[in-house]
Protein backbone atom coordinates (compact mmCIF):
# COMPACT_ATOMS: atom_id res chain seq x y z
CA UNK A 1 40.35 0.15 -22.18
CA UNK A 2 36.75 0.37 -20.82
CA UNK A 3 36.10 0.98 -17.31
CA UNK A 4 34.20 -1.81 -15.56
CA UNK A 5 30.54 -1.03 -14.68
CA UNK A 6 29.75 -0.02 -11.10
CA UNK A 7 26.77 -1.85 -9.59
CA UNK A 8 26.63 0.46 -6.63
CA UNK A 9 26.01 4.24 -6.09
CA UNK A 10 29.18 4.87 -3.95
CA UNK A 11 29.86 8.41 -3.59
CA UNK A 12 26.35 9.47 -5.02
CA UNK A 13 24.34 9.46 -1.93
CA UNK A 14 21.30 11.81 -1.83
CA UNK A 15 19.39 12.39 1.31
CA UNK A 16 15.75 13.34 1.18
CA UNK A 17 13.06 13.88 3.67
CA UNK A 18 9.14 12.96 3.41
CA UNK A 19 6.27 13.49 5.35
CA UNK A 20 3.40 11.00 5.71
CA UNK A 21 -0.01 10.99 7.56
CA UNK A 22 0.09 8.46 10.33
CA UNK A 23 -1.76 5.36 9.35
CA UNK A 24 -4.27 3.42 11.50
CA UNK A 25 -4.06 -0.13 11.81
CA UNK A 26 -7.62 -0.28 12.81
CA UNK A 27 -8.69 1.22 9.39
CA UNK A 28 -6.58 -1.28 7.54
CA UNK A 29 -8.20 -4.27 9.35
CA UNK A 30 -11.54 -2.84 9.28
CA UNK A 31 -11.65 -2.21 5.54
CA UNK A 32 -10.16 -5.77 4.74
CA UNK A 33 -12.95 -7.26 6.81
CA UNK A 34 -15.73 -5.03 5.51
CA UNK A 35 -14.72 -6.22 2.01
CA UNK A 36 -14.14 -9.71 2.85
CA UNK A 37 -10.57 -9.54 1.76
CA UNK A 38 -11.63 -8.92 -1.73
CA UNK A 39 -10.82 -6.07 -4.21
CA UNK A 40 -13.64 -3.61 -4.66
CA UNK A 41 -13.06 -3.37 -8.54
CA UNK A 42 -12.45 -6.93 -9.68
CA UNK A 43 -13.37 -9.15 -6.63
CA UNK A 44 -10.13 -11.01 -6.69
CA UNK A 45 -9.08 -12.53 -3.32
CA UNK A 46 -5.22 -13.17 -3.63
CA UNK A 47 -3.63 -15.30 -0.76
CA UNK A 48 -0.03 -15.03 0.50
CA UNK A 49 2.34 -17.66 1.03
CA UNK A 50 2.77 -19.34 4.27
CA UNK A 51 -0.16 -18.22 6.58
CA UNK A 52 -2.59 -17.77 3.46
CA UNK A 53 -3.67 -14.37 4.69
CA UNK A 54 -5.40 -12.30 1.91
CA UNK A 55 -2.96 -9.88 0.14
CA UNK A 56 -5.03 -6.72 -0.68
CA UNK A 57 -4.31 -3.09 -0.16
CA UNK A 58 -6.59 -0.66 1.80
CA UNK A 59 -6.98 2.84 0.04
CA UNK A 60 -8.48 5.95 1.02
CA UNK A 61 -11.08 7.45 -1.28
CA UNK A 62 -10.01 11.05 -0.13
CA UNK A 63 -6.27 10.81 0.76
CA UNK A 64 -4.73 11.26 4.07
CA UNK A 65 -2.52 13.72 2.38
CA UNK A 66 -5.49 15.87 1.56
CA UNK A 67 -7.28 15.42 4.82
CA UNK A 68 -8.92 12.34 4.18
CA UNK A 69 -10.12 10.48 7.54
CA UNK A 70 -9.40 6.87 8.78
CA UNK A 71 -13.30 6.35 8.64
CA UNK A 72 -14.41 3.10 7.05
CA UNK A 73 -16.88 5.14 4.70
CA UNK A 74 -13.77 6.66 3.32
CA UNK A 75 -11.95 3.23 2.32
CA UNK A 76 -11.67 0.74 -0.37
CA UNK A 77 -10.07 -2.72 -0.62
CA UNK A 78 -8.12 -2.99 -3.77
CA UNK A 79 -5.98 -5.52 -5.40
CA UNK A 80 -2.21 -4.66 -6.37
CA UNK A 81 -3.36 -4.16 -9.99
CA UNK A 82 -6.37 -1.80 -9.08
CA UNK A 83 -4.55 0.19 -6.35
């Protein structure tokens, strides 16, 4: 008789730790405003449900993990496909 498949990982818990550089809300807001909530690559402006706010990511050209600054000159606005 076959054992029923388990849909949970009970007893297989693993703990990991990560470190991330703090993110600036002003950077996120500033980049979106600078790019008019449009992707720098394809120009798409995706709107979210509910309040209709633009759904685009902000990205650092030089990553925070490698010392990149939260300076607007170091940022891009990207859609989910291009990020």
